Amino acid sequence: MPKHARRLDGFNEAILSLYAKGLTTGEIPAHLADVYDADVSRELISRVTDSVLDDMEAWRQRPLDRVYHMHFIDALVMKIRQGQVANRPVYVVAGVSLDGERDVLGMWAGTGGEGSKQWAGYLTELRNRGVEDLFMVCSDGLKGMTDAIEQVWPQAVHQQCVVHLPPLPVPAYRRPRAASMPPHRTPAAAPGRGARPGASGLNAGQPRGR
């Protein structure tokens, strides 16, 4: 360790990585003690993890472009620890700018199941951050999603994701019988049954003309 240094380079990044993987402020000191034989207090872990809160809030409130080509919106079910670990929906919006660049515009941890009312509130937040209009919104088939989108951007087209579209019915195909086929499609007779090998069904068993 360099002189007058209080901790190694990359130490804070290692703590943040462990915290992002789901370890609590109590489990991280135990992990560091087992692996590195280092005595680290929970207060130090809390100060390191709290140091990124300002950066996270600045990212969440950053201004956005005025117009976008498309928004992809969906909710991911993730395990989130808040007192205890529970499955919670995480609402994610990814946008495609007019220059073709893709960016995650926002993420919100919800409670309960995914709902169109929650989406209406999150999309309104994006509009308040500067998104005045966009051409298309792609989502799954959640009930009420079209109304939620039109409340925020009335001219936007709602495109349901092809993965969630119901499959089109395919008519059953039956192979036609030989008797119902046209004469030129009638199968040739098998060799040894009055037909020479290679003879077609039209002249099977008949002598070739000179």
C-alpha atoms as a PDB file:
ATOM      1  CA  MET A   1       0.000   0.000   0.000  1.00  0.00           C
ATOM      2  CA  PRO A   2       1.428   3.454  -0.848  1.00  0.00           C
ATOM      3  CA  LYS A   3       2.552   5.726   1.940  1.00  0.00           C
ATOM      4  CA  HIS A   4      -0.238   7.775   3.610  1.00  0.00           C
ATOM      5  CA  ALA A   5      -2.864   5.815   1.643  1.00  0.00           C
ATOM      6  CA  ARG A   6      -5.850   4.622   3.667  1.00  0.00           C
ATOM      7  CA  ARG A   7      -7.053   1.948   1.229  1.00  0.00           C
ATOM      8  CA  LEU A   8      -5.927   0.188  -1.930  1.00  0.00           C
ATOM      9  CA  ASP A   9      -6.831   1.391  -5.403  1.00  0.00           C
ATOM     10  CA  GLY A  10      -9.970  -0.290  -6.617  1.00  0.00           C
ATOM     11  CA  PHE A  11     -11.164  -1.079  -3.103  1.00  0.00           C
ATOM     12  CA  ASN A  12     -14.302   1.066  -3.422  1.00  0.00           C
ATOM     13  CA  GLU A  13     -15.063  -0.468  -6.834  1.00  0.00           C
ATOM     14  CA  ALA A  14     -14.808  -3.962  -5.331  1.00  0.00           C
ATOM     15  CA  ILE A  15     -17.286  -3.019  -2.595  1.00  0.00           C
ATOM     16  CA  LEU A  16     -19.716  -1.549  -5.122  1.00  0.00           C
ATOM     17  CA  SER A  17     -19.433  -4.676  -7.264  1.00  0.00           C
ATOM     18  CA  LEU A  18     -20.281  -6.923  -4.314  1.00  0.00           C
ATOM     19  CA  TYR A  19     -23.159  -4.638  -3.337  1.00  0.00           C
ATOM     20  CA  ALA A  20     -24.535  -4.683  -6.899  1.00  0.00           C
ATOM     21  CA  LYS A  21     -24.479  -8.495  -6.845  1.00  0.00           C
ATOM     22  CA  GLY A  22     -26.837  -8.544  -3.866  1.00  0.00           C
ATOM     23  CA  LEU A  23     -24.586  -8.707  -0.801  1.00  0.00           C
ATOM     24  CA  THR A  24     -25.734  -6.610   2.144  1.00  0.00           C
ATOM     25  CA  THR A  25     -23.617  -4.133   4.090  1.00  0.00           C
ATOM     26  CA  GLY A  26     -23.290  -6.834   6.745  1.00  0.00           C
ATOM     27  CA  GLU A  27     -22.279  -9.624   4.374  1.00  0.00           C
ATOM     28  CA  ILE A  28     -19.610  -7.599   2.550  1.00  0.00           C
ATOM     29  CA  PRO A  29     -17.320  -7.193   5.630  1.00  0.00           C
ATOM     30  CA  ALA A  30     -17.568 -10.927   6.293  1.00  0.00           C
ATOM     31  CA  HIS A  31     -16.648 -11.664   2.679  1.00  0.00           C
ATOM     32  CA  LEU A  32     -13.651  -9.305   2.770  1.00  0.00           C
ATOM     33  CA  ALA A  33     -12.488 -10.859   6.027  1.00  0.00           C
ATOM     34  CA  ASP A  34     -12.625 -14.387   4.580  1.00  0.00           C
ATOM     35  CA  VAL A  35     -10.950 -13.564   1.266  1.00  0.00           C
ATOM     36  CA  TYR A  36      -8.510 -10.737   2.149  1.00  0.00           C
ATOM     37  CA  ASP A  37      -8.299 -11.064   5.944  1.00  0.00           C
ATOM     38  CA  ALA A  38      -9.294  -7.382   6.120  1.00  0.00           C
ATOM     39  CA  ASP A  39     -11.240  -5.841   8.968  1.00  0.00           C
ATOM     40  CA  VAL A  40     -13.788  -3.484   7.408  1.00  0.00           C
ATOM     41  CA  SER A  41     -16.659  -1.911   9.336  1.00  0.00           C
ATOM     42  CA  ARG A  42     -20.256  -1.747   8.150  1.00  0.00           C
ATOM     43  CA  GLU A  43     -20.109   2.045   8.440  1.00  0.00           C
ATOM     44  CA  LEU A  44     -17.322   2.179   5.845  1.00  0.00           C
ATOM     45  CA  ILE A  45     -19.321  -0.070   3.524  1.00  0.00           C
ATOM     46  CA  SER A  46     -22.364   2.199   3.883  1.00  0.00           C
ATOM     47  CA  ARG A  47     -20.327   5.324   3.098  1.00  0.00           C
ATOM     48  CA  VAL A  48     -18.927   3.717  -0.054  1.00  0.00           C
ATOM     49  CA  THR A  49     -22.305   2.520  -1.294  1.00  0.00           C
ATOM     50  CA  ASP A  50     -23.968   5.857  -0.515  1.00  0.00           C
ATOM     51  CA  SER A  51     -21.301   7.720  -2.497  1.00  0.00           C
ATOM     52  CA  VAL A  52     -22.921   6.687  -5.803  1.00  0.00           C
ATOM     53  CA  LEU A  53     -26.426   7.860  -4.888  1.00  0.00           C
ATOM     54  CA  ASP A  54     -25.796  11.352  -6.224  1.00  0.00           C
ATOM     55  CA  ASP A  55     -24.532   9.937  -9.536  1.00  0.00           C
ATOM     56  CA  MET A  56     -27.560   7.653  -9.770  1.00  0.00           C
ATOM     57  CA  GLU A  57     -29.983  10.513  -9.165  1.00  0.00           C
ATOM     58  CA  ALA A  58     -28.203  12.695 -11.737  1.00  0.00           C
ATOM     59  CA  TRP A  59     -28.541   9.882 -14.285  1.00  0.00           C
ATOM     60  CA  ARG A  60     -32.242   9.448 -13.498  1.00  0.00           C
ATOM     61  CA  GLN A  61     -32.962  13.186 -13.899  1.00  0.00           C
ATOM     62  CA  ARG A  62     -30.769  13.896 -16.938  1.00  0.00           C
ATOM     63  CA  PRO A  63     -32.505  15.735 -19.810  1.00  0.00           C
ATOM     64  CA  LEU A  64     -33.511  13.682 -22.851  1.00  0.00           C
ATOM     65  CA  ASP A  65     -33.897  14.350 -26.582  1.00  0.00           C
ATOM     66  CA  ARG A  66     -37.027  16.099 -27.815  1.00  0.00           C
ATOM     67  CA  VAL A  67     -37.972  13.410 -30.384  1.00  0.00           C
ATOM     68  CA  TYR A  68     -37.157   9.698 -30.605  1.00  0.00           C
ATOM     69  CA  HIS A  69     -37.687   7.126 -33.317  1.00  0.00           C
ATOM     70  CA  MET A  70     -38.839   4.383 -30.972  1.00  0.00           C
ATOM     71  CA  HIS A  71     -39.157   3.352 -27.353  1.00  0.00           C
ATOM     72  CA  PHE A  72     -38.869  -0.273 -26.257  1.00  0.00           C
ATOM     73  CA  ILE A  73     -40.628  -0.740 -22.930  1.00  0.00           C
ATOM     74  CA  ASP A  74     -40.865  -3.837 -20.761  1.00  0.00           C
ATOM     75  CA  ALA A  75     -40.839  -4.932 -17.128  1.00  0.00           C
ATOM     76  CA  LEU A  76     -38.274  -7.396 -15.815  1.00  0.00           C
ATOM     77  CA  VAL A  77     -38.988  -9.416 -12.684  1.00  0.00           C
ATOM     78  CA  MET A  78     -35.938  -9.261 -10.432  1.00  0.00           C
ATOM     79  CA  LYS A  79     -35.107 -10.201  -6.860  1.00  0.00           C
ATOM     80  CA  ILE A  80     -34.654  -7.005  -4.848  1.00  0.00           C
ATOM     81  CA  ARG A  81     -33.603  -6.816  -1.235  1.00  0.00           C
ATOM     82  CA  GLN A  82     -35.526  -4.295   0.854  1.00  0.00           C
ATOM     83  CA  GLY A  83     -35.576  -5.740   4.327  1.00  0.00           C
ATOM     84  CA  GLN A  84     -36.059  -9.131   2.713  1.00  0.00           C
ATOM     85  CA  VAL A  85     -35.576 -10.459  -0.787  1.00  0.00           C
ATOM     86  CA  ALA A  86     -38.721 -10.362  -2.939  1.00  0.00           C
ATOM     87  CA  ASN A  87     -39.596 -10.500  -6.626  1.00  0.00           C
ATOM     88  CA  ARG A  88     -40.411  -7.029  -7.919  1.00  0.00           C
ATOM     89  CA  PRO A  89     -40.981  -5.665 -11.426  1.00  0.00           C
ATOM     90  CA  VAL A  90     -38.331  -3.323 -12.781  1.00  0.00           C
ATOM     91  CA  TYR A  91     -39.753  -1.063 -15.502  1.00  0.00           C
ATOM     92  CA  VAL A  92     -37.200  -0.364 -18.257  1.00  0.00           C
ATOM     93  CA  VAL A  93     -37.428   2.053 -21.206  1.00  0.00           C
ATOM     94  CA  ALA A  94     -34.828   1.920 -23.994  1.00  0.00           C
ATOM     95  CA  GLY A  95     -34.977   4.591 -26.688  1.00  0.00           C
ATOM     96  CA  VAL A  96     -33.640   4.878 -30.228  1.00  0.00           C
ATOM     97  CA  SER A  97     -32.675   8.451 -31.094  1.00  0.00           C
ATOM     98  CA  LEU A  98     -32.989  10.113 -34.505  1.00  0.00           C
ATOM     99  CA  ASP A  99     -29.282   9.366 -35.007  1.00  0.00           C
ATOM    100  CA  GLY A 100     -29.894   5.644 -34.457  1.00  0.00           C
ATOM    101  CA  GLU A 101     -28.237   5.535 -31.046  1.00  0.00           C
ATOM    102  CA  ARG A 102     -29.785   3.336 -28.359  1.00  0.00           C
ATOM    103  CA  ASP A 103     -29.855   4.335 -24.714  1.00  0.00           C
ATOM    104  CA  VAL A 104     -31.595   3.261 -21.532  1.00  0.00           C
ATOM    105  CA  LEU A 105     -33.772   6.251 -20.674  1.00  0.00           C
ATOM    106  CA  GLY A 106     -35.096   5.127 -17.331  1.00  0.00           C
ATOM    107  CA  MET A 107     -35.474   2.301 -14.812  1.00  0.00           C
ATOM    108  CA  TRP A 108     -37.993   2.116 -11.978  1.00  0.00           C
ATOM    109  CA  ALA A 109     -38.549  -0.574  -9.357  1.00  0.00           C
ATOM    110  CA  GLY A 110     -42.259  -1.165  -8.875  1.00  0.00           C
ATOM    111  CA  THR A 111     -44.340  -3.159  -6.424  1.00  0.00           C
ATOM    112  CA  GLY A 112     -46.743  -5.973  -7.162  1.00  0.00           C
ATOM    113  CA  GLY A 113     -47.365  -6.988 -10.748  1.00  0.00           C
ATOM    114  CA  GLU A 114     -46.827  -5.042 -13.951  1.00  0.00           C
ATOM    115  CA  GLY A 115     -49.646  -2.626 -14.754  1.00  0.00           C
ATOM    116  CA  SER A 116     -50.548  -0.061 -17.400  1.00  0.00           C
ATOM    117  CA  LYS A 117     -51.240   2.620 -14.763  1.00  0.00           C
ATOM    118  CA  GLN A 118     -47.667   2.392 -13.528  1.00  0.00           C
ATOM    119  CA  TRP A 119     -46.435   2.648 -17.114  1.00  0.00           C
ATOM    120  CA  ALA A 120     -48.515   5.774 -17.693  1.00  0.00           C
ATOM    121  CA  GLY A 121     -46.783   7.453 -14.752  1.00  0.00           C
ATOM    122  CA  TYR A 122     -43.276   6.470 -15.871  1.00  0.00           C
ATOM    123  CA  LEU A 123     -43.908   7.568 -19.466  1.00  0.00           C
ATOM    124  CA  THR A 124     -45.194  10.902 -18.161  1.00  0.00           C
ATOM    125  CA  GLU A 125     -41.907  11.291 -16.292  1.00  0.00           C
ATOM    126  CA  LEU A 126     -40.024  10.833 -19.572  1.00  0.00           C
ATOM    127  CA  ARG A 127     -42.179  13.506 -21.200  1.00  0.00           C
ATOM    128  CA  ASN A 128     -41.405  15.867 -18.324  1.00  0.00           C
ATOM    129  CA  ARG A 129     -37.698  15.234 -18.921  1.00  0.00           C
ATOM    130  CA  GLY A 130     -37.981  16.513 -22.489  1.00  0.00           C
ATOM    131  CA  VAL A 131     -39.426  13.763 -24.702  1.00  0.00           C
ATOM    132  CA  GLU A 132     -42.126  15.687 -26.571  1.00  0.00           C
ATOM    133  CA  ASP A 133     -42.925  13.072 -29.204  1.00  0.00           C
ATOM    134  CA  LEU A 134     -41.834   9.797 -30.772  1.00  0.00           C
ATOM    135  CA  PHE A 135     -42.871   7.682 -33.724  1.00  0.00           C
ATOM    136  CA  MET A 136     -43.463   4.260 -32.200  1.00  0.00           C
ATOM    137  CA  VAL A 137     -43.595   2.405 -28.882  1.00  0.00           C
ATOM    138  CA  CYS A 138     -42.928  -1.348 -28.849  1.00  0.00           C
ATOM    139  CA  SER A 139     -44.189  -3.400 -25.905  1.00  0.00           C
ATOM    140  CA  ASP A 140     -45.840  -6.670 -24.991  1.00  0.00           C
ATOM    141  CA  GLY A 141     -49.577  -7.259 -24.986  1.00  0.00           C
ATOM    142  CA  LEU A 142     -50.272  -5.837 -21.528  1.00  0.00           C
ATOM    143  CA  LYS A 143     -53.911  -4.813 -21.218  1.00  0.00           C
ATOM    144  CA  GLY A 144     -54.426  -1.038 -21.318  1.00  0.00           C
ATOM    145  CA  MET A 145     -50.955  -0.279 -22.690  1.00  0.00           C
ATOM    146  CA  THR A 146     -52.264   1.475 -25.817  1.00  0.00           C
ATOM    147  CA  ASP A 147     -54.375   3.862 -23.712  1.00  0.00           C
ATOM    148  CA  ALA A 148     -51.425   4.561 -21.409  1.00  0.00           C
ATOM    149  CA  ILE A 149     -49.214   5.486 -24.381  1.00  0.00           C
ATOM    150  CA  GLU A 150     -51.855   7.691 -26.004  1.00  0.00           C
ATOM    151  CA  GLN A 151     -52.282   9.641 -22.767  1.00  0.00           C
ATOM    152  CA  VAL A 152     -48.658  10.769 -23.016  1.00  0.00           C
ATOM    153  CA  TRP A 153     -47.975  10.800 -26.789  1.00  0.00           C
ATOM    154  CA  PRO A 154     -51.294  10.791 -28.704  1.00  0.00           C
ATOM    155  CA  GLN A 155     -49.665  10.478 -32.152  1.00  0.00           C
ATOM    156  CA  ALA A 156     -47.339   7.595 -31.291  1.00  0.00           C
ATOM    157  CA  VAL A 157     -47.982   4.189 -32.858  1.00  0.00           C
ATOM    158  CA  HIS A 158     -48.182   1.242 -30.462  1.00  0.00           C
ATOM    159  CA  GLN A 159     -46.499  -1.820 -31.981  1.00  0.00           C
ATOM    160  CA  GLN A 160     -46.896  -5.097 -30.144  1.00  0.00           C
ATOM    161  CA  CYS A 161     -43.698  -7.131 -29.986  1.00  0.00           C
ATOM    162  CA  VAL A 162     -43.681  -9.990 -32.507  1.00  0.00           C
ATOM    163  CA  VAL A 163     -42.768 -12.421 -29.734  1.00  0.00           C
ATOM    164  CA  HIS A 164     -46.070 -11.650 -27.993  1.00  0.00           C
ATOM    165  CA  LEU A 165     -48.261 -11.626 -31.113  1.00  0.00           C
ATOM    166  CA  PRO A 166     -50.685 -14.562 -31.389  1.00  0.00           C
ATOM    167  CA  PRO A 167     -49.590 -17.042 -34.060  1.00  0.00           C
ATOM    168  CA  LEU A 168     -51.543 -17.019 -37.319  1.00  0.00           C
ATOM    169  CA  PRO A 169     -53.511 -20.198 -38.056  1.00  0.00           C
ATOM    170  CA  VAL A 170     -51.851 -22.357 -40.696  1.00  0.00           C
ATOM    171  CA  PRO A 171     -54.229 -24.493 -42.819  1.00  0.00           C
ATOM    172  CA  ALA A 172     -53.588 -28.205 -42.687  1.00  0.00           C
ATOM    173  CA  TYR A 173     -51.882 -29.613 -45.779  1.00  0.00           C
ATOM    174  CA  ARG A 174     -52.790 -33.072 -47.045  1.00  0.00           C
ATOM    175  CA  ARG A 175     -50.689 -34.851 -49.615  1.00  0.00           C
ATOM    176  CA  PRO A 176     -52.815 -35.636 -52.710  1.00  0.00           C
ATOM    177  CA  ARG A 177     -53.323 -39.263 -53.653  1.00  0.00           C
ATOM    178  CA  ALA A 178     -51.760 -40.625 -56.829  1.00  0.00           C
ATOM    179  CA  ALA A 179     -55.185 -41.304 -58.410  1.00  0.00           C
ATOM    180  CA  SER A 180     -56.157 -37.643 -58.092  1.00  0.00           C
ATOM    181  CA  MET A 181     -52.916 -36.315 -59.544  1.00  0.00           C
ATOM    182  CA  PRO A 182     -52.663 -35.115 -63.196  1.00  0.00           C
ATOM    183  CA  PRO A 183     -51.414 -37.669 -65.745  1.00  0.00           C
ATOM    184  CA  HIS A 184     -48.033 -36.015 -66.091  1.00  0.00           C
ATOM    185  CA  ARG A 185     -47.541 -36.363 -62.330  1.00  0.00           C
ATOM    186  CA  THR A 186     -48.581 -40.032 -62.084  1.00  0.00           C
ATOM    187  CA  PRO A 187     -45.738 -42.012 -60.455  1.00  0.00           C
ATOM    188  CA  ALA A 188     -43.768 -44.296 -62.766  1.00  0.00           C
ATOM    189  CA  ALA A 189     -44.207 -48.031 -62.508  1.00  0.00           C
ATOM    190  CA  ALA A 190     -41.582 -49.878 -60.557  1.00  0.00           C
ATOM    191  CA  PRO A 191     -38.890 -51.767 -62.510  1.00  0.00           C
ATOM    192  CA  GLY A 192     -39.763 -55.406 -63.121  1.00  0.00           C
ATOM    193  CA  ARG A 193     -43.494 -54.783 -63.415  1.00  0.00           C
ATOM    194  CA  GLY A 194     -43.817 -54.208 -67.137  1.00  0.00           C
ATOM    195  CA  ALA A 195     -41.639 -51.130 -67.298  1.00  0.00           C
ATOM    196  CA  ARG A 196     -38.021 -50.645 -68.099  1.00  0.00           C
ATOM    197  CA  PRO A 197     -35.825 -48.771 -65.607  1.00  0.00           C
ATOM    198  CA  GLY A 198     -35.962 -45.084 -66.350  1.00  0.00           C
ATOM    199  CA  ALA A 199     -39.251 -45.232 -68.273  1.00  0.00           C
ATOM    200  CA  SER A 200     -41.779 -42.566 -67.365  1.00  0.00           C
ATOM    201  CA  GLY A 201     -45.360 -43.170 -66.326  1.00  0.00           C
ATOM    202  CA  LEU A 202     -46.661 -42.099 -69.759  1.00  0.00           C
ATOM    203  CA  ASN A 203     -44.780 -44.698 -71.858  1.00  0.00           C
ATOM    204  CA  ALA A 204     -44.119 -47.404 -69.313  1.00  0.00           C
ATOM    205  CA  GLY A 205     -44.054 -50.816 -71.008  1.00  0.00           C
ATOM    206  CA  GLN A 206     -44.258 -49.358 -74.541  1.00  0.00           C
ATOM    207  CA  PRO A 207     -41.429 -49.717 -77.124  1.00  0.00           C
ATOM    208  CA  ARG A 208     -39.522 -46.634 -77.990  1.00  0.00           C
ATOM    209  CA  GLY A 209     -40.052 -45.163 -81.406  1.00  0.00           C
ATOM    210  CA  ARG A 210     -37.205 -44.909 -83.829  1.00  0.00           C
END
